[in-house]
Amino acid sequence: MAQYLNKNFPSVFNEASEELRDNGRMTNGNEVMEVDITTSKVEAKLEQLNGTKSGGPQNLNPRILKELAQEIASPLARIFNESVNSGVVPYDGRIANIVLIFKKGKKRDPGNYRPVSLTSVVCKVLEKILKEKVVKDIEVNGNWDKIQHGFTKGRSCQTKLISFFEKVTHFLDKGNAVDLIYLDFSKAFDTVPHKKLLAKLEKMGINMKIERWIRNWLKGRLQRVILKGELSGWKEFTSGVPQGSVLGPMLFNLFITDLGTKSENVLIKFADDTKLGGIANTERDRDIIQEDLDNLVNWSNSNSEI
């Protein structure tokens, strides 16, 4: 069963269009800055670990790392700095055990399960530190998605609902007819093309050494399914961002930042769920809504490897 499921999950991946090679573009001052990860930062992240979580493919219990935070923070900081500044991610940071979460429908259909990656606990500590650095760069450069409420600090499903509800009820209170359209990407996290994602990260102005590290983190990822204690063989992860990782949700958000930028109506996002709403009193109003839908379709087509 584990082998069958692991054979099915990669079937939704986009084929890798070409090898993810280091582009060598280290030109302006921001790009060549050394990444300095301090011992105190590593220690703080280790102390925040949840001891009840999975130990990942290495079976390294987070509780051990948490209790030894003071002793191992310094050597880990040196390893992290070397990894990021050299752009090399160790093998253990690019493998994952996959556990299954049933969504709905027939339990015999493997497409009705969500694959969640259990990754290296040590690598997750580094991912948390890098995530904070990337978020800071994005905010400084003004490239953060203002209509995204999923996996975003200070925002949630509730803030999404409140924001959308307020705008729509404002239209209704003025006696307008309103059309609402609910959209969702199929296998969204699994089908993000790595090449297009990395090109967007480069344009957003994040530290180039972190961008190079993320490139290596995505390259040659392997996964295997664990089911009732049994393990499948390894399969290559050729597209998408790992669900269950720290960087995965943030990278997905950055990938779809430019989705809906041309919308003339109310548009709001929660991860891969998108809501579009607009006044529909006249034929022209409805044409504008259709134009927004066409733009969303065009974005989807141009950001796919299919």
C-alpha atoms as a PDB file:
ATOM      1  CA  MET A   1       0.000   0.000   0.000  1.00  0.00           C
ATOM      2  CA  ALA A   2       2.828   2.403   0.850  1.00  0.00           C
ATOM      3  CA  GLN A   3       4.534   1.682  -2.484  1.00  0.00           C
ATOM      4  CA  TYR A   4       1.275   2.204  -4.386  1.00  0.00           C
ATOM      5  CA  LEU A   5       0.568   5.517  -2.675  1.00  0.00           C
ATOM      6  CA  ASN A   6       4.101   6.807  -3.204  1.00  0.00           C
ATOM      7  CA  LYS A   7       3.810   5.943  -6.873  1.00  0.00           C
ATOM      8  CA  ASN A   8       0.530   7.873  -7.102  1.00  0.00           C
ATOM      9  CA  PHE A   9       1.487  11.077  -5.288  1.00  0.00           C
ATOM     10  CA  PRO A  10       4.337  12.058  -7.661  1.00  0.00           C
ATOM     11  CA  SER A  11       1.946  11.623 -10.600  1.00  0.00           C
ATOM     12  CA  VAL A  12       0.606  15.122  -9.905  1.00  0.00           C
ATOM     13  CA  PHE A  13       4.076  16.700 -10.006  1.00  0.00           C
ATOM     14  CA  ASN A  14       5.174  18.789 -12.953  1.00  0.00           C
ATOM     15  CA  GLU A  15       8.167  17.281 -14.660  1.00  0.00           C
ATOM     16  CA  ALA A  16      11.368  19.159 -13.903  1.00  0.00           C
ATOM     17  CA  SER A  17      11.906  21.295 -17.005  1.00  0.00           C
ATOM     18  CA  GLU A  18      15.647  21.612 -16.452  1.00  0.00           C
ATOM     19  CA  GLU A  19      18.217  21.223 -13.735  1.00  0.00           C
ATOM     20  CA  LEU A  20      18.072  23.890 -11.041  1.00  0.00           C
ATOM     21  CA  ARG A  21      21.583  25.256 -11.401  1.00  0.00           C
ATOM     22  CA  ASP A  22      23.138  28.103  -9.462  1.00  0.00           C
ATOM     23  CA  ASN A  23      22.863  31.132 -11.714  1.00  0.00           C
ATOM     24  CA  GLY A  24      25.904  32.819 -10.180  1.00  0.00           C
ATOM     25  CA  ARG A  25      24.225  36.253 -10.145  1.00  0.00           C
ATOM     26  CA  MET A  26      25.810  37.925  -7.115  1.00  0.00           C
ATOM     27  CA  THR A  27      26.131  41.529  -8.201  1.00  0.00           C
ATOM     28  CA  ASN A  28      24.605  44.196  -5.977  1.00  0.00           C
ATOM     29  CA  GLY A  29      25.402  44.909  -2.340  1.00  0.00           C
ATOM     30  CA  ASN A  30      22.330  43.235  -0.888  1.00  0.00           C
ATOM     31  CA  GLU A  31      22.905  40.025  -2.801  1.00  0.00           C
ATOM     32  CA  VAL A  32      26.498  39.411  -1.636  1.00  0.00           C
ATOM     33  CA  MET A  33      25.866  40.056   2.063  1.00  0.00           C
ATOM     34  CA  GLU A  34      26.975  37.182   4.257  1.00  0.00           C
ATOM     35  CA  VAL A  35      24.165  35.574   6.235  1.00  0.00           C
ATOM     36  CA  ASP A  36      25.054  35.688   9.934  1.00  0.00           C
ATOM     37  CA  ILE A  37      23.088  33.259  12.087  1.00  0.00           C
ATOM     38  CA  THR A  38      23.931  33.809  15.736  1.00  0.00           C
ATOM     39  CA  THR A  39      24.212  31.202  18.461  1.00  0.00           C
ATOM     40  CA  SER A  40      21.562  33.008  20.503  1.00  0.00           C
ATOM     41  CA  LYS A  41      19.109  32.861  17.587  1.00  0.00           C
ATOM     42  CA  VAL A  42      19.656  29.124  17.143  1.00  0.00           C
ATOM     43  CA  GLU A  43      19.313  28.502  20.865  1.00  0.00           C
ATOM     44  CA  ALA A  44      16.039  30.441  20.985  1.00  0.00           C
ATOM     45  CA  LYS A  45      14.606  28.387  18.118  1.00  0.00           C
ATOM     46  CA  LEU A  46      15.701  25.124  19.711  1.00  0.00           C
ATOM     47  CA  GLU A  47      14.010  26.064  22.986  1.00  0.00           C
ATOM     48  CA  GLN A  48      10.759  26.673  21.092  1.00  0.00           C
ATOM     49  CA  LEU A  49      10.641  23.137  19.667  1.00  0.00           C
ATOM     50  CA  ASN A  50       7.605  21.016  20.480  1.00  0.00           C
ATOM     51  CA  GLY A  51       8.848  17.786  22.040  1.00  0.00           C
ATOM     52  CA  THR A  52       5.743  15.882  20.949  1.00  0.00           C
ATOM     53  CA  LYS A  53       6.306  16.393  17.207  1.00  0.00           C
ATOM     54  CA  SER A  54       7.749  13.854  14.784  1.00  0.00           C
ATOM     55  CA  GLY A  55      11.475  13.223  14.636  1.00  0.00           C
ATOM     56  CA  GLY A  56      11.406  13.165  10.831  1.00  0.00           C
ATOM     57  CA  PRO A  57      13.281  10.647   8.657  1.00  0.00           C
ATOM     58  CA  GLN A  58      16.215  10.683  11.109  1.00  0.00           C
ATOM     59  CA  ASN A  59      13.991   9.765  14.121  1.00  0.00           C
ATOM     60  CA  LEU A  60      15.617  12.587  16.076  1.00  0.00           C
ATOM     61  CA  ASN A  61      13.159  13.498  18.828  1.00  0.00           C
ATOM     62  CA  PRO A  62      12.740  17.308  19.069  1.00  0.00           C
ATOM     63  CA  ARG A  63      12.705  16.991  22.850  1.00  0.00           C
ATOM     64  CA  ILE A  64      16.374  15.960  22.781  1.00  0.00           C
ATOM     65  CA  LEU A  65      17.333  19.045  20.776  1.00  0.00           C
ATOM     66  CA  LYS A  66      15.250  21.253  23.039  1.00  0.00           C
ATOM     67  CA  GLU A  67      16.840  19.969  26.251  1.00  0.00           C
ATOM     68  CA  LEU A  68      20.351  20.265  24.777  1.00  0.00           C
ATOM     69  CA  ALA A  69      19.748  23.712  23.288  1.00  0.00           C
ATOM     70  CA  GLN A  70      22.582  25.444  25.162  1.00  0.00           C
ATOM     71  CA  GLU A  71      25.117  22.728  24.354  1.00  0.00           C
ATOM     72  CA  ILE A  72      24.409  22.339  20.626  1.00  0.00           C
ATOM     73  CA  ALA A  73      23.411  25.899  19.622  1.00  0.00           C
ATOM     74  CA  SER A  74      26.977  27.008  18.872  1.00  0.00           C
ATOM     75  CA  PRO A  75      28.012  24.090  16.604  1.00  0.00           C
ATOM     76  CA  LEU A  76      24.642  24.205  14.843  1.00  0.00           C
ATOM     77  CA  ALA A  77      25.061  27.952  14.224  1.00  0.00           C
ATOM     78  CA  ARG A  78      28.413  27.270  12.550  1.00  0.00           C
ATOM     79  CA  ILE A  79      26.884  24.500  10.419  1.00  0.00           C
ATOM     80  CA  PHE A  80      23.916  26.703   9.463  1.00  0.00           C
ATOM     81  CA  ASN A  81      26.145  29.613   8.451  1.00  0.00           C
ATOM     82  CA  GLU A  82      28.344  27.349   6.346  1.00  0.00           C
ATOM     83  CA  SER A  83      25.291  25.780   4.679  1.00  0.00           C
ATOM     84  CA  VAL A  84      23.607  29.075   3.792  1.00  0.00           C
ATOM     85  CA  ASN A  85      26.705  30.984   2.714  1.00  0.00           C
ATOM     86  CA  SER A  86      27.924  28.085   0.564  1.00  0.00           C
ATOM     87  CA  GLY A  87      24.444  27.367  -0.806  1.00  0.00           C
ATOM     88  CA  VAL A  88      24.703  23.663   0.027  1.00  0.00           C
ATOM     89  CA  VAL A  89      21.869  21.814   1.781  1.00  0.00           C
ATOM     90  CA  PRO A  90      22.860  18.463   3.347  1.00  0.00           C
ATOM     91  CA  TYR A  91      21.121  15.348   2.068  1.00  0.00           C
ATOM     92  CA  ASP A  92      19.196  14.979   5.341  1.00  0.00           C
ATOM     93  CA  GLY A  93      17.610  18.390   4.702  1.00  0.00           C
ATOM     94  CA  ARG A  94      16.161  17.289   1.349  1.00  0.00           C
ATOM     95  CA  ILE A  95      14.377  14.069   2.271  1.00  0.00           C
ATOM     96  CA  ALA A  96      10.958  13.506   3.833  1.00  0.00           C
ATOM     97  CA  ASN A  97       8.694  10.798   5.169  1.00  0.00           C
ATOM     98  CA  ILE A  98       5.146  11.268   3.886  1.00  0.00           C
ATOM     99  CA  VAL A  99       2.156  10.641   6.145  1.00  0.00           C
ATOM    100  CA  LEU A 100      -1.392  10.678   4.838  1.00  0.00           C
ATOM    101  CA  ILE A 101      -4.301  12.842   5.918  1.00  0.00           C
ATOM    102  CA  PHE A 102      -7.694  11.733   4.583  1.00  0.00           C
ATOM    103  CA  LYS A 103      -9.725  14.611   3.113  1.00  0.00           C
ATOM    104  CA  LYS A 104     -13.042  13.305   1.791  1.00  0.00           C
ATOM    105  CA  GLY A 105     -14.588  10.902  -0.692  1.00  0.00           C
ATOM    106  CA  LYS A 106     -13.685   7.263  -1.184  1.00  0.00           C
ATOM    107  CA  LYS A 107     -10.904   6.013   1.044  1.00  0.00           C
ATOM    108  CA  ARG A 108      -9.735   3.668  -1.704  1.00  0.00           C
ATOM    109  CA  ASP A 109      -8.874   6.636  -3.952  1.00  0.00           C
ATOM    110  CA  PRO A 110      -5.281   7.804  -3.249  1.00  0.00           C
ATOM    111  CA  GLY A 111      -6.199  11.203  -4.661  1.00  0.00           C
ATOM    112  CA  ASN A 112      -8.371  11.798  -1.593  1.00  0.00           C
ATOM    113  CA  TYR A 113      -5.381  11.914   0.760  1.00  0.00           C
ATOM    114  CA  ARG A 114      -3.200  14.928   1.505  1.00  0.00           C
ATOM    115  CA  PRO A 115       0.511  14.079   1.681  1.00  0.00           C
ATOM    116  CA  VAL A 116       2.241  15.826   4.594  1.00  0.00           C
ATOM    117  CA  SER A 117       6.034  15.844   4.712  1.00  0.00           C
ATOM    118  CA  LEU A 118       7.831  14.953   7.937  1.00  0.00           C
ATOM    119  CA  THR A 119      11.219  16.565   7.412  1.00  0.00           C
ATOM    120  CA  SER A 120      14.457  16.968   9.356  1.00  0.00           C
ATOM    121  CA  VAL A 121      13.910  18.708  12.696  1.00  0.00           C
ATOM    122  CA  VAL A 122      17.363  20.332  12.525  1.00  0.00           C
ATOM    123  CA  CYS A 123      16.662  21.642   9.027  1.00  0.00           C
ATOM    124  CA  LYS A 124      13.334  23.043  10.235  1.00  0.00           C
ATOM    125  CA  VAL A 125      15.190  25.083  12.842  1.00  0.00           C
ATOM    126  CA  LEU A 126      17.263  26.638  10.046  1.00  0.00           C
ATOM    127  CA  GLU A 127      14.145  27.117   7.905  1.00  0.00           C
ATOM    128  CA  LYS A 128      12.499  29.136  10.693  1.00  0.00           C
ATOM    129  CA  ILE A 129      15.490  31.458  10.874  1.00  0.00           C
ATOM    130  CA  LEU A 130      15.636  31.887   7.090  1.00  0.00           C
ATOM    131  CA  LYS A 131      11.895  32.463   6.894  1.00  0.00           C
ATOM    132  CA  GLU A 132      12.206  35.437   9.243  1.00  0.00           C
ATOM    133  CA  LYS A 133      15.017  36.865   7.114  1.00  0.00           C
ATOM    134  CA  VAL A 134      13.042  36.431   3.871  1.00  0.00           C
ATOM    135  CA  VAL A 135       9.913  38.022   5.362  1.00  0.00           C
ATOM    136  CA  LYS A 136      11.990  40.989   6.500  1.00  0.00           C
ATOM    137  CA  ASP A 137      13.495  41.422   3.012  1.00  0.00           C
ATOM    138  CA  ILE A 138      10.065  41.197   1.376  1.00  0.00           C
ATOM    139  CA  GLU A 139       8.569  43.759   3.755  1.00  0.00           C
ATOM    140  CA  VAL A 140      11.483  46.177   3.269  1.00  0.00           C
ATOM    141  CA  ASN A 141      11.139  45.906  -0.515  1.00  0.00           C
ATOM    142  CA  GLY A 142       7.361  46.366  -0.340  1.00  0.00           C
ATOM    143  CA  ASN A 143       6.657  43.111  -2.176  1.00  0.00           C
ATOM    144  CA  TRP A 144       4.401  41.453   0.406  1.00  0.00           C
ATOM    145  CA  ASP A 145       0.954  40.343  -0.791  1.00  0.00           C
ATOM    146  CA  LYS A 146      -1.580  42.717   0.738  1.00  0.00           C
ATOM    147  CA  ILE A 147      -4.605  40.540  -0.083  1.00  0.00           C
ATOM    148  CA  GLN A 148      -3.138  37.244   1.205  1.00  0.00           C
ATOM    149  CA  HIS A 149      -4.441  36.058   4.594  1.00  0.00           C
ATOM    150  CA  GLY A 150      -3.099  32.488   4.689  1.00  0.00           C
ATOM    151  CA  PHE A 151       0.161  31.638   6.498  1.00  0.00           C
ATOM    152  CA  THR A 152       0.681  35.342   7.173  1.00  0.00           C
ATOM    153  CA  LYS A 153       1.566  36.868  10.538  1.00  0.00           C
ATOM    154  CA  GLY A 154      -1.346  38.758  12.078  1.00  0.00           C
ATOM    155  CA  ARG A 155      -3.833  37.320   9.575  1.00  0.00           C
ATOM    156  CA  SER A 156      -6.049  34.254   9.591  1.00  0.00           C
ATOM    157  CA  CYS A 157      -9.175  32.661   8.173  1.00  0.00           C
ATOM    158  CA  GLN A 158     -11.180  35.041  10.387  1.00  0.00           C
ATOM    159  CA  THR A 159      -9.477  38.189   9.057  1.00  0.00           C
ATOM    160  CA  LYS A 160     -10.082  36.964   5.508  1.00  0.00           C
ATOM    161  CA  LEU A 161     -13.787  36.443   6.166  1.00  0.00           C
ATOM    162  CA  ILE A 162     -14.205  39.773   7.943  1.00  0.00           C
ATOM    163  CA  SER A 163     -12.407  41.738   5.235  1.00  0.00           C
ATOM    164  CA  PHE A 164     -14.350  40.134   2.399  1.00  0.00           C
ATOM    165  CA  PHE A 165     -17.664  40.320   4.278  1.00  0.00           C
ATOM    166  CA  GLU A 166     -17.268  44.043   4.965  1.00  0.00           C
ATOM    167  CA  LYS A 167     -16.619  44.877   1.317  1.00  0.00           C
ATOM    168  CA  VAL A 168     -19.461  42.748  -0.019  1.00  0.00           C
ATOM    169  CA  THR A 169     -22.020  43.986   2.541  1.00  0.00           C
ATOM    170  CA  HIS A 170     -21.009  47.551   1.656  1.00  0.00           C
ATOM    171  CA  PHE A 171     -22.111  46.842  -1.926  1.00  0.00           C
ATOM    172  CA  LEU A 172     -25.340  45.192  -0.770  1.00  0.00           C
ATOM    173  CA  ASP A 173     -26.217  48.002   1.646  1.00  0.00           C
ATOM    174  CA  LYS A 174     -26.266  50.353  -1.324  1.00  0.00           C
ATOM    175  CA  GLY A 175     -28.801  48.157  -3.117  1.00  0.00           C
ATOM    176  CA  ASN A 176     -26.407  46.517  -5.574  1.00  0.00           C
ATOM    177  CA  ALA A 177     -26.594  43.011  -6.953  1.00  0.00           C
ATOM    178  CA  VAL A 178     -23.357  41.165  -6.178  1.00  0.00           C
ATOM    179  CA  ASP A 179     -21.742  38.155  -7.794  1.00  0.00           C
ATOM    180  CA  LEU A 180     -19.407  35.972  -5.694  1.00  0.00           C
ATOM    181  CA  ILE A 181     -17.045  33.429  -7.209  1.00  0.00           C
ATOM    182  CA  TYR A 182     -15.041  30.888  -5.187  1.00  0.00           C
ATOM    183  CA  LEU A 183     -11.878  29.485  -6.742  1.00  0.00           C
ATOM    184  CA  ASP A 184      -9.393  26.833  -5.643  1.00  0.00           C
ATOM    185  CA  PHE A 185      -6.212  25.448  -7.184  1.00  0.00           C
ATOM    186  CA  SER A 186      -6.058  21.702  -7.721  1.00  0.00           C
ATOM    187  CA  LYS A 187      -2.999  20.126  -5.994  1.00  0.00           C
ATOM    188  CA  ALA A 188      -1.700  23.654  -5.479  1.00  0.00           C
ATOM    189  CA  PHE A 189       1.302  22.956  -3.248  1.00  0.00           C
ATOM    190  CA  ASP A 190       2.420  19.955  -5.326  1.00  0.00           C
ATOM    191  CA  THR A 191       2.455  21.644  -8.731  1.00  0.00           C
ATOM    192  CA  VAL A 192       4.433  24.865  -8.141  1.00  0.00           C
ATOM    193  CA  PRO A 193       7.123  24.926 -10.875  1.00  0.00           C
ATOM    194  CA  HIS A 194      10.486  25.376  -9.192  1.00  0.00           C
ATOM    195  CA  LYS A 195      12.044  27.394 -12.015  1.00  0.00           C
ATOM    196  CA  LYS A 196       9.234  29.966 -12.034  1.00  0.00           C
ATOM    197  CA  LEU A 197       9.192  30.161  -8.233  1.00  0.00           C
ATOM    198  CA  LEU A 198      12.924  30.866  -8.084  1.00  0.00           C
ATOM    199  CA  ALA A 199      12.676  33.500 -10.816  1.00  0.00           C
ATOM    200  CA  LYS A 200      10.045  35.322  -8.742  1.00  0.00           C
ATOM    201  CA  LEU A 201      12.133  35.125  -5.577  1.00  0.00           C
ATOM    202  CA  GLU A 202      15.035  36.696  -7.427  1.00  0.00           C
ATOM    203  CA  LYS A 203      12.868  39.620  -8.610  1.00  0.00           C
ATOM    204  CA  MET A 204      11.569  40.208  -5.084  1.00  0.00           C
ATOM    205  CA  GLY A 205      15.020  41.161  -3.878  1.00  0.00           C
ATOM    206  CA  ILE A 206      15.658  38.628  -1.146  1.00  0.00           C
ATOM    207  CA  ASN A 207      19.242  37.932  -0.119  1.00  0.00           C
ATOM    208  CA  MET A 208      20.764  36.048  -3.051  1.00  0.00           C
ATOM    209  CA  LYS A 209      22.573  33.591  -0.788  1.00  0.00           C
ATOM    210  CA  ILE A 210      19.261  32.595   0.780  1.00  0.00           C
ATOM    211  CA  GLU A 211      17.702  32.321  -2.686  1.00  0.00           C
ATOM    212  CA  ARG A 212      20.589  30.044  -3.713  1.00  0.00           C
ATOM    213  CA  TRP A 213      20.097  27.948  -0.563  1.00  0.00           C
ATOM    214  CA  ILE A 214      16.378  27.578  -1.344  1.00  0.00           C
ATOM    215  CA  ARG A 215      17.315  26.537  -4.899  1.00  0.00           C
ATOM    216  CA  ASN A 216      19.482  23.747  -3.478  1.00  0.00           C
ATOM    217  CA  TRP A 217      16.817  22.876  -0.880  1.00  0.00           C
ATOM    218  CA  LEU A 218      14.318  22.238  -3.705  1.00  0.00           C
ATOM    219  CA  LYS A 219      16.782  20.399  -5.939  1.00  0.00           C
ATOM    220  CA  GLY A 220      16.743  16.614  -5.836  1.00  0.00           C
ATOM    221  CA  ARG A 221      14.257  16.275  -2.986  1.00  0.00           C
ATOM    222  CA  LEU A 222      13.221  12.716  -2.171  1.00  0.00           C
ATOM    223  CA  GLN A 223      10.161  11.383  -0.395  1.00  0.00           C
ATOM    224  CA  ARG A 224       8.827   8.052   0.808  1.00  0.00           C
ATOM    225  CA  VAL A 225       5.460   7.096   2.263  1.00  0.00           C
ATOM    226  CA  ILE A 226       5.226   5.662   5.764  1.00  0.00           C
ATOM    227  CA  LEU A 227       2.081   3.644   6.433  1.00  0.00           C
ATOM    228  CA  LYS A 228       1.437   1.529   9.533  1.00  0.00           C
ATOM    229  CA  GLY A 229       5.150   1.376  10.219  1.00  0.00           C
ATOM    230  CA  GLU A 230       6.042   0.284   6.676  1.00  0.00           C
ATOM    231  CA  LEU A 231       8.140   2.411   4.310  1.00  0.00           C
ATOM    232  CA  SER A 232       7.968   2.687   0.547  1.00  0.00           C
ATOM    233  CA  GLY A 233      10.988   3.299  -1.669  1.00  0.00           C
ATOM    234  CA  TRP A 234      12.184   6.812  -2.496  1.00  0.00           C
ATOM    235  CA  LYS A 235      10.593   9.017  -5.180  1.00  0.00           C
ATOM    236  CA  GLU A 236      11.921  12.307  -6.518  1.00  0.00           C
ATOM    237  CA  PHE A 237      10.044  15.516  -5.715  1.00  0.00           C
ATOM    238  CA  THR A 238      10.184  17.362  -9.089  1.00  0.00           C
ATOM    239  CA  SER A 239       7.789  20.232  -8.393  1.00  0.00           C
ATOM    240  CA  GLY A 240       5.873  21.892  -5.609  1.00  0.00           C
ATOM    241  CA  VAL A 241       6.771  22.911  -2.073  1.00  0.00           C
ATOM    242  CA  PRO A 242       6.654  20.367   0.780  1.00  0.00           C
ATOM    243  CA  GLN A 243       3.515  20.498   2.898  1.00  0.00           C
ATOM    244  CA  GLY A 244       4.712  20.148   6.457  1.00  0.00           C
ATOM    245  CA  SER A 245       7.913  22.128   5.987  1.00  0.00           C
ATOM    246  CA  VAL A 246       8.442  25.620   7.420  1.00  0.00           C
ATOM    247  CA  LEU A 247       9.387  27.328   4.173  1.00  0.00           C
ATOM    248  CA  GLY A 248       6.771  25.583   2.004  1.00  0.00           C
ATOM    249  CA  PRO A 249       3.702  27.721   2.846  1.00  0.00           C
ATOM    250  CA  MET A 250       5.671  30.978   2.639  1.00  0.00           C
ATOM    251  CA  LEU A 251       7.164  30.022  -0.733  1.00  0.00           C
ATOM    252  CA  PHE A 252       3.701  29.198  -2.063  1.00  0.00           C
ATOM    253  CA  ASN A 253       2.413  32.590  -0.918  1.00  0.00           C
ATOM    254  CA  LEU A 254       5.307  34.329  -2.654  1.00  0.00           C
ATOM    255  CA  PHE A 255       4.671  32.330  -5.824  1.00  0.00           C
ATOM    256  CA  ILE A 256       1.068  33.563  -6.067  1.00  0.00           C
ATOM    257  CA  THR A 257       1.747  37.131  -4.915  1.00  0.00           C
ATOM    258  CA  ASP A 258       1.104  38.445  -8.433  1.00  0.00           C
ATOM    259  CA  LEU A 259      -2.165  36.515  -8.770  1.00  0.00           C
ATOM    260  CA  GLY A 260      -5.085  38.942  -9.064  1.00  0.00           C
ATOM    261  CA  THR A 261      -3.048  42.130  -9.309  1.00  0.00           C
ATOM    262  CA  LYS A 262      -5.102  43.206 -12.336  1.00  0.00           C
ATOM    263  CA  SER A 263      -8.460  42.631 -10.641  1.00  0.00           C
ATOM    264  CA  GLU A 264     -10.909  45.540 -10.740  1.00  0.00           C
ATOM    265  CA  ASN A 265     -13.240  43.877  -8.240  1.00  0.00           C
ATOM    266  CA  VAL A 266     -12.837  42.633  -4.669  1.00  0.00           C
ATOM    267  CA  LEU A 267     -10.341  39.771  -4.548  1.00  0.00           C
ATOM    268  CA  ILE A 268      -8.951  38.092  -1.463  1.00  0.00           C
ATOM    269  CA  LYS A 269      -6.743  35.038  -0.931  1.00  0.00           C
ATOM    270  CA  PHE A 270      -6.258  32.466   1.795  1.00  0.00           C
ATOM    271  CA  ALA A 271      -3.364  30.281   0.642  1.00  0.00           C
ATOM    272  CA  ASP A 272      -4.687  28.643  -2.546  1.00  0.00           C
ATOM    273  CA  ASP A 273      -8.346  29.604  -1.945  1.00  0.00           C
ATOM    274  CA  THR A 274      -9.389  32.749  -3.833  1.00  0.00           C
ATOM    275  CA  LYS A 275     -12.623  34.720  -3.557  1.00  0.00           C
ATOM    276  CA  LEU A 276     -13.759  37.202  -6.182  1.00  0.00           C
ATOM    277  CA  GLY A 277     -16.710  39.519  -5.667  1.00  0.00           C
ATOM    278  CA  GLY A 278     -18.135  42.400  -7.643  1.00  0.00           C
ATOM    279  CA  ILE A 279     -21.188  44.502  -8.407  1.00  0.00           C
ATOM    280  CA  ALA A 280     -23.349  42.867 -11.078  1.00  0.00           C
ATOM    281  CA  ASN A 281     -26.062  45.437 -11.811  1.00  0.00           C
ATOM    282  CA  THR A 282     -25.371  45.875 -15.508  1.00  0.00           C
ATOM    283  CA  GLU A 283     -23.951  43.932 -18.397  1.00  0.00           C
ATOM    284  CA  ARG A 284     -20.790  46.055 -18.180  1.00  0.00           C
ATOM    285  CA  ASP A 285     -20.398  45.109 -14.496  1.00  0.00           C
ATOM    286  CA  ARG A 286     -20.625  41.453 -15.401  1.00  0.00           C
ATOM    287  CA  ASP A 287     -18.145  41.921 -18.245  1.00  0.00           C
ATOM    288  CA  ILE A 288     -15.633  43.356 -15.754  1.00  0.00           C
ATOM    289  CA  ILE A 289     -16.081  40.303 -13.516  1.00  0.00           C
ATOM    290  CA  GLN A 290     -15.517  38.072 -16.546  1.00  0.00           C
ATOM    291  CA  GLU A 291     -12.369  40.025 -17.419  1.00  0.00           C
ATOM    292  CA  ASP A 292     -11.087  39.433 -13.892  1.00  0.00           C
ATOM    293  CA  LEU A 293     -11.786  35.726 -14.248  1.00  0.00           C
ATOM    294  CA  ASP A 294      -9.990  35.663 -17.604  1.00  0.00           C
ATOM    295  CA  ASN A 295      -6.955  37.326 -16.024  1.00  0.00           C
ATOM    296  CA  LEU A 296      -6.909  34.690 -13.275  1.00  0.00           C
ATOM    297  CA  VAL A 297      -7.058  31.916 -15.877  1.00  0.00           C
ATOM    298  CA  ASN A 298      -4.290  33.551 -17.901  1.00  0.00           C
ATOM    299  CA  TRP A 299      -2.134  33.791 -14.765  1.00  0.00           C
ATOM    300  CA  SER A 300      -2.718  30.111 -14.061  1.00  0.00           C
ATOM    301  CA  ASN A 301      -1.776  29.129 -17.610  1.00  0.00           C
ATOM    302  CA  SER A 302       1.380  31.269 -17.692  1.00  0.00           C
ATOM    303  CA  ASN A 303       2.540  30.005 -14.263  1.00  0.00           C
ATOM    304  CA  SER A 304       2.193  26.337 -15.069  1.00  0.00           C
ATOM    305  CA  GLU A 305       4.662  23.929 -16.640  1.00  0.00           C
ATOM    306  CA  ILE A 306       1.804  21.996 -18.232  1.00  0.00           C
END
